[in-house]
Amino acid sequence: MTLEAVARLVLRDIPRAAIGLILVLIIVINFANIVGRYVFLAPLPWAEEVLSFMVIWAVCLGASAVTYDRRHLAMGLFADAFPPAMQRAIQAVTLVAMVGFCGFACLQAWTIVRIMAGNGQVSITAEIPMTVPYLAFVVGFGMMVVAALAAAFWGRGDDPSGLPNDAAG
């Protein structure tokens, strides 16, 4: 297995599978909560909180897959009018900005995780350690940094159609 294949697996394929699993679990928990509320008049008190945390994790994991495939929204209206050298310079500045901002956000999120772990804070109803939802931001922003660098290194997404190189896979 090549390094590029490992990167694709870790930065895109596993996050996509994890998001699918999270969505299935969200549906199951939500359905159980609806049945509990309207059939047994006993909703699951922890459901809303857990569902929120699961959505946070799904979004943060999805950011890695989106970054790896270079599918973020971009302001490319005038980019095609620039000469190729200028387009490459803009792409380089964009990469540096993305890596810088995501790296900074990752470090700040890690600081929050350390604070939450230090004071033992838990969520109100489910009593889940608050490190769990905040760790999603560490993982998400960290994976975005690696995914952006991997995408730049392997030239992902530079097809003129705007689709990733392996949009079928």
N, C-alpha and C. Protein backbone atom coordinates (compact mmCIF):
# COMPACT_ATOMS: atom_id res chain seq x y z
N MET A 1 0.85 -1.17 0.00
CA MET A 1 0.00 0.00 0.00
C MET A 1 0.90 1.24 0.00
N THR A 2 0.65 2.15 -0.91
CA THR A 2 1.47 3.35 -1.02
C THR A 2 1.10 4.33 0.08
N LEU A 3 1.99 5.29 0.29
CA LEU A 3 1.74 6.33 1.28
C LEU A 3 0.50 7.14 0.90
N GLU A 4 0.32 7.38 -0.38
CA GLU A 4 -0.87 8.12 -0.83
C GLU A 4 -2.14 7.33 -0.51
N ALA A 5 -2.11 6.02 -0.69
CA ALA A 5 -3.28 5.19 -0.39
C ALA A 5 -3.57 5.19 1.11
N VAL A 6 -2.53 5.17 1.93
CA VAL A 6 -2.71 5.24 3.38
C VAL A 6 -3.33 6.59 3.76
N ALA A 7 -2.81 7.66 3.16
CA ALA A 7 -3.35 9.00 3.44
C ALA A 7 -4.82 9.06 3.05
N ARG A 8 -5.16 8.54 1.88
CA ARG A 8 -6.55 8.55 1.43
C ARG A 8 -7.43 7.76 2.40
N LEU A 9 -6.93 6.62 2.87
CA LEU A 9 -7.68 5.79 3.81
C LEU A 9 -7.91 6.52 5.13
N VAL A 10 -6.85 7.10 5.68
CA VAL A 10 -6.94 7.74 7.00
C VAL A 10 -7.64 9.09 6.95
N LEU A 11 -7.40 9.86 5.90
CA LEU A 11 -7.89 11.23 5.85
C LEU A 11 -9.24 11.38 5.14
N ARG A 12 -9.64 10.37 4.36
CA ARG A 12 -10.90 10.48 3.64
C ARG A 12 -11.82 9.29 3.88
N ASP A 13 -11.33 8.08 3.63
CA ASP A 13 -12.21 6.92 3.65
C ASP A 13 -12.69 6.54 5.05
N ILE A 14 -11.78 6.49 6.02
CA ILE A 14 -12.19 6.18 7.40
C ILE A 14 -13.11 7.26 7.96
N PRO A 15 -12.79 8.55 7.78
CA PRO A 15 -13.75 9.56 8.25
C PRO A 15 -15.13 9.43 7.60
N ARG A 16 -15.17 9.12 6.31
CA ARG A 16 -16.48 8.94 5.66
C ARG A 16 -17.23 7.77 6.28
N ALA A 17 -16.55 6.66 6.52
CA ALA A 17 -17.20 5.50 7.14
C ALA A 17 -17.66 5.83 8.55
N ALA A 18 -16.83 6.56 9.29
CA ALA A 18 -17.19 6.96 10.66
C ALA A 18 -18.42 7.86 10.65
N ILE A 19 -18.50 8.76 9.69
CA ILE A 19 -19.67 9.64 9.58
C ILE A 19 -20.92 8.80 9.29
N GLY A 20 -20.79 7.83 8.41
CA GLY A 20 -21.93 6.95 8.13
C GLY A 20 -22.40 6.23 9.38
N LEU A 21 -21.46 5.69 10.16
CA LEU A 21 -21.81 5.01 11.40
C LEU A 21 -22.45 5.98 12.40
N ILE A 22 -21.88 7.17 12.51
CA ILE A 22 -22.44 8.18 13.41
C ILE A 22 -23.87 8.52 13.00
N LEU A 23 -24.11 8.69 11.71
CA LEU A 23 -25.46 9.02 11.25
C LEU A 23 -26.46 7.90 11.56
N VAL A 24 -26.03 6.66 11.39
CA VAL A 24 -26.91 5.53 11.74
C VAL A 24 -27.22 5.56 13.23
N LEU A 25 -26.20 5.78 14.06
CA LEU A 25 -26.43 5.85 15.51
C LEU A 25 -27.33 7.02 15.88
N ILE A 26 -27.17 8.14 15.20
CA ILE A 26 -28.03 9.30 15.44
C ILE A 26 -29.49 8.94 15.14
N ILE A 27 -29.71 8.25 14.03
CA ILE A 27 -31.07 7.85 13.67
C ILE A 27 -31.66 6.91 14.72
N VAL A 28 -30.86 5.94 15.16
CA VAL A 28 -31.33 4.97 16.16
C VAL A 28 -31.67 5.67 17.47
N ILE A 29 -30.77 6.53 17.95
CA ILE A 29 -31.01 7.23 19.22
C ILE A 29 -32.22 8.15 19.10
N ASN A 30 -32.30 8.87 17.99
CA ASN A 30 -33.43 9.78 17.79
C ASN A 30 -34.75 9.02 17.74
N PHE A 31 -34.75 7.90 17.03
CA PHE A 31 -35.97 7.07 16.96
C PHE A 31 -36.35 6.55 18.34
N ALA A 32 -35.36 6.05 19.08
CA ALA A 32 -35.63 5.54 20.43
C ALA A 32 -36.18 6.66 21.32
N ASN A 33 -35.65 7.85 21.17
CA ASN A 33 -36.14 8.99 21.96
C ASN A 33 -37.58 9.35 21.59
N ILE A 34 -37.89 9.31 20.30
CA ILE A 34 -39.26 9.61 19.85
C ILE A 34 -40.24 8.57 20.39
N VAL A 35 -39.86 7.29 20.27
CA VAL A 35 -40.73 6.23 20.80
C VAL A 35 -40.88 6.38 22.31
N GLY A 36 -39.78 6.64 22.98
CA GLY A 36 -39.84 6.83 24.43
C GLY A 36 -40.74 7.99 24.81
N ARG A 37 -40.63 9.08 24.08
CA ARG A 37 -41.41 10.28 24.41
C ARG A 37 -42.90 10.09 24.13
N TYR A 38 -43.25 9.59 22.95
CA TYR A 38 -44.64 9.58 22.54
C TYR A 38 -45.38 8.27 22.82
N VAL A 39 -44.65 7.18 22.98
CA VAL A 39 -45.32 5.91 23.27
C VAL A 39 -45.30 5.63 24.77
N PHE A 40 -44.16 5.80 25.40
CA PHE A 40 -44.02 5.46 26.82
C PHE A 40 -44.03 6.69 27.74
N LEU A 41 -44.13 7.88 27.14
CA LEU A 41 -44.11 9.14 27.90
C LEU A 41 -42.86 9.25 28.78
N ALA A 42 -41.76 8.70 28.28
CA ALA A 42 -40.50 8.71 29.02
C ALA A 42 -39.34 8.91 28.03
N PRO A 43 -39.08 10.16 27.65
CA PRO A 43 -37.98 10.40 26.71
C PRO A 43 -36.63 10.09 27.36
N LEU A 44 -35.65 9.88 26.51
CA LEU A 44 -34.29 9.65 27.00
C LEU A 44 -33.70 11.01 27.37
N PRO A 45 -33.43 11.26 28.62
CA PRO A 45 -32.98 12.60 29.03
C PRO A 45 -31.63 12.99 28.45
N TRP A 46 -30.82 12.02 28.12
CA TRP A 46 -29.47 12.29 27.63
C TRP A 46 -29.40 12.39 26.11
N ALA A 47 -30.48 12.07 25.41
CA ALA A 47 -30.44 11.93 23.95
C ALA A 47 -30.01 13.21 23.22
N GLU A 48 -30.62 14.34 23.55
CA GLU A 48 -30.32 15.59 22.83
C GLU A 48 -28.84 15.95 22.96
N GLU A 49 -28.31 15.78 24.15
CA GLU A 49 -26.92 16.11 24.40
C GLU A 49 -25.98 15.19 23.60
N VAL A 50 -26.26 13.91 23.64
CA VAL A 50 -25.44 12.95 22.92
C VAL A 50 -25.54 13.18 21.41
N LEU A 51 -26.73 13.45 20.92
CA LEU A 51 -26.92 13.73 19.50
C LEU A 51 -26.10 14.95 19.08
N SER A 52 -26.09 15.98 19.90
CA SER A 52 -25.30 17.18 19.58
C SER A 52 -23.82 16.85 19.49
N PHE A 53 -23.33 16.07 20.44
CA PHE A 53 -21.91 15.70 20.43
C PHE A 53 -21.57 14.84 19.21
N MET A 54 -22.50 13.97 18.82
CA MET A 54 -22.27 13.12 17.65
C MET A 54 -22.21 13.96 16.36
N VAL A 55 -23.07 14.95 16.28
CA VAL A 55 -23.05 15.83 15.10
C VAL A 55 -21.73 16.60 15.05
N ILE A 56 -21.26 17.06 16.20
CA ILE A 56 -19.97 17.76 16.25
C ILE A 56 -18.87 16.85 15.71
N TRP A 57 -18.84 15.61 16.17
CA TRP A 57 -17.81 14.67 15.70
C TRP A 57 -17.94 14.42 14.19
N ALA A 58 -19.17 14.26 13.71
CA ALA A 58 -19.37 14.00 12.28
C ALA A 58 -18.87 15.17 11.43
N VAL A 59 -19.16 16.38 11.84
CA VAL A 59 -18.71 17.56 11.10
C VAL A 59 -17.19 17.67 11.12
N CYS A 60 -16.60 17.46 12.28
CA CYS A 60 -15.14 17.58 12.39
C CYS A 60 -14.43 16.50 11.58
N LEU A 61 -14.96 15.29 11.57
CA LEU A 61 -14.36 14.23 10.75
C LEU A 61 -14.57 14.51 9.26
N GLY A 62 -15.75 15.01 8.94
CA GLY A 62 -16.05 15.33 7.54
C GLY A 62 -15.15 16.41 6.98
N ALA A 63 -14.70 17.30 7.83
CA ALA A 63 -13.82 18.38 7.37
C ALA A 63 -12.52 17.81 6.80
N SER A 64 -12.05 16.71 7.35
CA SER A 64 -10.84 16.08 6.83
C SER A 64 -11.06 15.55 5.42
N ALA A 65 -12.17 14.83 5.22
CA ALA A 65 -12.47 14.28 3.90
C ALA A 65 -12.67 15.38 2.87
N VAL A 66 -13.36 16.44 3.27
CA VAL A 66 -13.58 17.57 2.37
C VAL A 66 -12.25 18.24 2.01
N THR A 67 -11.40 18.39 2.99
CA THR A 67 -10.10 19.02 2.75
C THR A 67 -9.23 18.15 1.85
N TYR A 68 -9.22 16.86 2.11
CA TYR A 68 -8.40 15.95 1.30
C TYR A 68 -8.82 15.99 -0.17
N ASP A 69 -10.12 16.08 -0.43
CA ASP A 69 -10.61 16.14 -1.81
C ASP A 69 -10.68 17.55 -2.36
N ARG A 70 -10.24 18.53 -1.57
CA ARG A 70 -10.28 19.94 -1.97
C ARG A 70 -11.68 20.36 -2.41
N ARG A 71 -12.63 20.07 -1.58
CA ARG A 71 -14.02 20.41 -1.89
C ARG A 71 -14.55 21.55 -1.04
N HIS A 72 -13.66 22.28 -0.37
CA HIS A 72 -14.09 23.44 0.39
C HIS A 72 -14.58 24.51 -0.58
N LEU A 73 -15.46 25.35 -0.09
CA LEU A 73 -15.88 26.48 -0.90
C LEU A 73 -14.67 27.37 -1.16
N ALA A 74 -14.57 27.86 -2.37
CA ALA A 74 -13.44 28.71 -2.72
C ALA A 74 -13.93 29.86 -3.59
N MET A 75 -13.27 30.97 -3.46
CA MET A 75 -13.61 32.14 -4.26
C MET A 75 -12.72 32.13 -5.51
N GLY A 76 -13.11 31.38 -6.51
CA GLY A 76 -12.30 31.22 -7.70
C GLY A 76 -12.83 31.95 -8.91
N LEU A 77 -13.65 32.95 -8.71
CA LEU A 77 -14.28 33.64 -9.83
C LEU A 77 -13.25 34.20 -10.81
N PHE A 78 -12.20 34.82 -10.29
CA PHE A 78 -11.22 35.45 -11.17
C PHE A 78 -9.96 34.61 -11.33
N ALA A 79 -9.85 33.50 -10.63
CA ALA A 79 -8.62 32.71 -10.62
C ALA A 79 -8.22 32.25 -12.01
N ASP A 80 -9.18 31.89 -12.84
CA ASP A 80 -8.86 31.41 -14.18
C ASP A 80 -8.29 32.50 -15.07
N ALA A 81 -8.53 33.75 -14.74
CA ALA A 81 -8.03 34.86 -15.54
C ALA A 81 -6.55 35.14 -15.29
N PHE A 82 -6.04 34.67 -14.15
CA PHE A 82 -4.64 34.90 -13.82
C PHE A 82 -3.74 33.93 -14.58
N PRO A 83 -2.50 34.35 -14.82
CA PRO A 83 -1.56 33.41 -15.45
C PRO A 83 -1.26 32.24 -14.51
N PRO A 84 -0.83 31.10 -15.05
CA PRO A 84 -0.58 29.91 -14.23
C PRO A 84 0.34 30.15 -13.04
N ALA A 85 1.36 30.96 -13.20
CA ALA A 85 2.28 31.22 -12.09
C ALA A 85 1.56 31.93 -10.95
N MET A 86 0.70 32.87 -11.29
CA MET A 86 -0.07 33.59 -10.27
C MET A 86 -1.07 32.64 -9.60
N GLN A 87 -1.68 31.75 -10.38
CA GLN A 87 -2.61 30.77 -9.82
C GLN A 87 -1.90 29.88 -8.81
N ARG A 88 -0.69 29.44 -9.13
CA ARG A 88 0.08 28.60 -8.20
C ARG A 88 0.44 29.38 -6.94
N ALA A 89 0.76 30.66 -7.10
CA ALA A 89 1.09 31.49 -5.93
C ALA A 89 -0.13 31.64 -5.02
N ILE A 90 -1.28 31.86 -5.62
CA ILE A 90 -2.52 31.97 -4.84
C ILE A 90 -2.81 30.66 -4.11
N GLN A 91 -2.61 29.54 -4.80
CA GLN A 91 -2.82 28.24 -4.17
C GLN A 91 -1.85 28.05 -3.00
N ALA A 92 -0.61 28.49 -3.16
CA ALA A 92 0.38 28.36 -2.09
C ALA A 92 -0.01 29.21 -0.89
N VAL A 93 -0.44 30.43 -1.14
CA VAL A 93 -0.87 31.31 -0.04
C VAL A 93 -2.09 30.72 0.65
N THR A 94 -3.01 30.20 -0.13
CA THR A 94 -4.21 29.57 0.44
C THR A 94 -3.82 28.38 1.32
N LEU A 95 -2.89 27.57 0.85
CA LEU A 95 -2.43 26.41 1.62
C LEU A 95 -1.78 26.85 2.93
N VAL A 96 -0.90 27.84 2.85
CA VAL A 96 -0.23 28.33 4.06
C VAL A 96 -1.26 28.89 5.05
N ALA A 97 -2.23 29.64 4.54
CA ALA A 97 -3.26 30.20 5.41
C ALA A 97 -4.10 29.09 6.05
N MET A 98 -4.47 28.11 5.26
CA MET A 98 -5.30 27.04 5.80
C MET A 98 -4.54 26.23 6.86
N VAL A 99 -3.31 25.87 6.55
CA VAL A 99 -2.50 25.11 7.51
C VAL A 99 -2.27 25.95 8.76
N GLY A 100 -1.99 27.23 8.58
CA GLY A 100 -1.75 28.10 9.73
C GLY A 100 -2.98 28.26 10.61
N PHE A 101 -4.11 28.58 10.01
CA PHE A 101 -5.33 28.78 10.79
C PHE A 101 -5.81 27.48 11.44
N CYS A 102 -5.78 26.39 10.68
CA CYS A 102 -6.23 25.11 11.25
C CYS A 102 -5.27 24.62 12.33
N GLY A 103 -3.97 24.82 12.12
CA GLY A 103 -3.00 24.44 13.14
C GLY A 103 -3.20 25.25 14.41
N PHE A 104 -3.44 26.55 14.26
CA PHE A 104 -3.70 27.41 15.42
C PHE A 104 -4.97 26.96 16.15
N ALA A 105 -6.04 26.69 15.38
CA ALA A 105 -7.29 26.24 15.99
C ALA A 105 -7.11 24.91 16.70
N CYS A 106 -6.32 24.03 16.13
CA CYS A 106 -6.04 22.73 16.75
C CYS A 106 -5.35 22.92 18.10
N LEU A 107 -4.36 23.78 18.13
CA LEU A 107 -3.65 24.04 19.39
C LEU A 107 -4.56 24.68 20.43
N GLN A 108 -5.40 25.60 20.02
CA GLN A 108 -6.33 26.23 20.96
C GLN A 108 -7.34 25.23 21.49
N ALA A 109 -7.82 24.35 20.60
CA ALA A 109 -8.77 23.33 21.04
C ALA A 109 -8.10 22.37 22.02
N TRP A 110 -6.82 22.07 21.78
CA TRP A 110 -6.09 21.21 22.71
C TRP A 110 -5.99 21.87 24.09
N THR A 111 -5.78 23.16 24.11
CA THR A 111 -5.74 23.89 25.38
C THR A 111 -7.06 23.73 26.13
N ILE A 112 -8.17 23.84 25.40
CA ILE A 112 -9.48 23.69 26.02
C ILE A 112 -9.67 22.26 26.53
N VAL A 113 -9.23 21.27 25.76
CA VAL A 113 -9.33 19.87 26.21
C VAL A 113 -8.55 19.68 27.50
N ARG A 114 -7.35 20.25 27.57
CA ARG A 114 -6.54 20.13 28.79
C ARG A 114 -7.24 20.79 29.99
N ILE A 115 -7.85 21.95 29.75
CA ILE A 115 -8.56 22.64 30.83
C ILE A 115 -9.74 21.80 31.29
N MET A 116 -10.52 21.28 30.34
CA MET A 116 -11.68 20.47 30.69
C MET A 116 -11.25 19.20 31.44
N ALA A 117 -10.17 18.60 31.00
CA ALA A 117 -9.67 17.39 31.68
C ALA A 117 -9.19 17.74 33.09
N GLY A 118 -8.57 18.89 33.24
CA GLY A 118 -8.05 19.31 34.53
C GLY A 118 -9.12 19.60 35.56
N ASN A 119 -10.25 20.15 35.09
CA ASN A 119 -11.29 20.47 36.07
C ASN A 119 -12.39 19.42 36.13
N GLY A 120 -12.26 18.38 35.32
CA GLY A 120 -13.20 17.26 35.38
C GLY A 120 -14.62 17.60 34.97
N GLN A 121 -14.78 18.61 34.13
CA GLN A 121 -16.13 19.03 33.73
C GLN A 121 -16.81 17.96 32.88
N VAL A 122 -18.09 17.71 33.18
CA VAL A 122 -18.90 16.76 32.42
C VAL A 122 -20.15 17.46 31.92
N SER A 123 -20.78 16.85 30.90
CA SER A 123 -22.02 17.44 30.36
C SER A 123 -23.15 17.30 31.39
N ILE A 124 -24.17 18.09 31.22
CA ILE A 124 -25.21 18.23 32.23
C ILE A 124 -26.04 16.95 32.43
N THR A 125 -26.60 16.41 31.35
CA THR A 125 -27.50 15.26 31.55
C THR A 125 -26.83 13.91 31.31
N ALA A 126 -26.00 13.81 30.28
CA ALA A 126 -25.37 12.53 29.97
C ALA A 126 -24.11 12.28 30.81
N GLU A 127 -23.61 13.34 31.44
CA GLU A 127 -22.41 13.28 32.26
C GLU A 127 -21.21 12.73 31.48
N ILE A 128 -21.13 13.13 30.22
CA ILE A 128 -19.99 12.77 29.37
C ILE A 128 -18.89 13.78 29.66
N PRO A 129 -17.66 13.32 29.83
CA PRO A 129 -16.57 14.29 30.03
C PRO A 129 -16.53 15.28 28.87
N MET A 130 -16.41 16.55 29.18
CA MET A 130 -16.43 17.58 28.14
C MET A 130 -15.19 17.52 27.25
N THR A 131 -14.23 16.71 27.64
CA THR A 131 -13.10 16.50 26.76
C THR A 131 -13.54 15.79 25.47
N VAL A 132 -14.60 15.00 25.52
CA VAL A 132 -15.05 14.23 24.35
C VAL A 132 -15.49 15.15 23.21
N PRO A 133 -16.43 16.08 23.42
CA PRO A 133 -16.80 16.93 22.29
C PRO A 133 -15.67 17.88 21.87
N TYR A 134 -14.91 18.39 22.83
CA TYR A 134 -13.84 19.32 22.46
C TYR A 134 -12.70 18.62 21.75
N LEU A 135 -12.49 17.36 22.03
CA LEU A 135 -11.45 16.61 21.33
C LEU A 135 -11.76 16.47 19.84
N ALA A 136 -13.04 16.54 19.49
CA ALA A 136 -13.42 16.49 18.08
C ALA A 136 -12.77 17.62 17.29
N PHE A 137 -12.63 18.79 17.92
CA PHE A 137 -12.02 19.93 17.24
C PHE A 137 -10.52 19.74 17.09
N VAL A 138 -9.90 19.14 18.07
CA VAL A 138 -8.46 18.83 17.97
C VAL A 138 -8.24 17.87 16.80
N VAL A 139 -9.02 16.79 16.79
CA VAL A 139 -8.90 15.79 15.74
C VAL A 139 -9.24 16.39 14.38
N GLY A 140 -10.36 17.10 14.30
CA GLY A 140 -10.80 17.66 13.02
C GLY A 140 -9.81 18.66 12.44
N PHE A 141 -9.39 19.65 13.23
CA PHE A 141 -8.45 20.64 12.71
C PHE A 141 -7.08 20.02 12.44
N GLY A 142 -6.66 19.09 13.29
CA GLY A 142 -5.38 18.41 13.05
C GLY A 142 -5.40 17.62 11.76
N MET A 143 -6.50 16.89 11.53
CA MET A 143 -6.62 16.12 10.29
C MET A 143 -6.73 17.04 9.08
N MET A 144 -7.35 18.21 9.25
CA MET A 144 -7.43 19.15 8.14
C MET A 144 -6.04 19.64 7.73
N VAL A 145 -5.17 19.87 8.72
CA VAL A 145 -3.80 20.28 8.41
C VAL A 145 -3.11 19.22 7.57
N VAL A 146 -3.18 17.98 8.04
CA VAL A 146 -2.52 16.88 7.33
C VAL A 146 -3.15 16.66 5.97
N ALA A 147 -4.49 16.73 5.90
CA ALA A 147 -5.19 16.53 4.63
C ALA A 147 -4.85 17.62 3.62
N ALA A 148 -4.75 18.86 4.06
CA ALA A 148 -4.40 19.95 3.14
C ALA A 148 -3.00 19.76 2.59
N LEU A 149 -2.07 19.36 3.46
CA LEU A 149 -0.70 19.13 3.00
C LEU A 149 -0.63 17.93 2.07
N ALA A 150 -1.36 16.86 2.41
CA ALA A 150 -1.37 15.67 1.54
C ALA A 150 -1.98 16.00 0.19
N ALA A 151 -3.09 16.74 0.19
CA ALA A 151 -3.74 17.11 -1.06
C ALA A 151 -2.82 17.96 -1.93
N ALA A 152 -2.08 18.85 -1.31
CA ALA A 152 -1.15 19.69 -2.06
C ALA A 152 0.02 18.86 -2.58
N PHE A 153 0.51 17.94 -1.76
CA PHE A 153 1.65 17.11 -2.15
C PHE A 153 1.32 16.21 -3.32
N TRP A 154 0.14 15.60 -3.30
CA TRP A 154 -0.23 14.68 -4.37
C TRP A 154 -1.06 15.34 -5.46
N GLY A 155 -1.20 16.65 -5.39
CA GLY A 155 -1.89 17.37 -6.47
C GLY A 155 -3.35 17.01 -6.58
N ARG A 156 -3.99 16.71 -5.46
CA ARG A 156 -5.39 16.31 -5.49
C ARG A 156 -6.27 17.49 -5.89
N GLY A 157 -7.24 17.22 -6.71
CA GLY A 157 -8.25 18.21 -7.02
C GLY A 157 -7.88 19.24 -8.05
N ASP A 158 -6.75 19.08 -8.78
CA ASP A 158 -6.45 20.12 -9.76
C ASP A 158 -7.02 19.82 -11.13
N ASP A 159 -7.89 18.90 -11.25
CA ASP A 159 -8.58 18.63 -12.49
C ASP A 159 -9.40 19.87 -12.87
N PRO A 160 -9.31 20.31 -14.13
CA PRO A 160 -10.05 21.52 -14.53
C PRO A 160 -11.55 21.43 -14.26
N SER A 161 -12.09 20.23 -14.16
CA SER A 161 -13.53 20.09 -13.90
C SER A 161 -13.88 20.50 -12.49
N GLY A 162 -12.84 20.62 -11.63
CA GLY A 162 -13.09 20.97 -10.24
C GLY A 162 -13.34 19.77 -9.36
N LEU A 163 -13.40 18.58 -9.98
CA LEU A 163 -13.63 17.37 -9.20
C LEU A 163 -12.29 16.78 -8.77
N PRO A 164 -12.28 16.04 -7.69
CA PRO A 164 -11.03 15.41 -7.28
C PRO A 164 -10.54 14.43 -8.35
N ASN A 165 -9.27 14.12 -8.29
CA ASN A 165 -8.66 13.24 -9.30
C ASN A 165 -9.36 11.89 -9.38
N ASP A 166 -9.84 11.38 -8.26
CA ASP A 166 -10.50 10.08 -8.26
C ASP A 166 -11.94 10.24 -7.78
N ALA A 167 -12.68 11.14 -8.42
CA ALA A 167 -14.05 11.42 -7.97
C ALA A 167 -14.92 10.17 -8.00
N ALA A 168 -14.59 9.22 -8.84
CA ALA A 168 -15.38 7.99 -8.89
C ALA A 168 -15.08 7.09 -7.70
N GLY A 169 -13.93 7.25 -7.07
CA GLY A 169 -13.56 6.34 -5.98
C GLY A 169 -13.57 7.04 -4.73
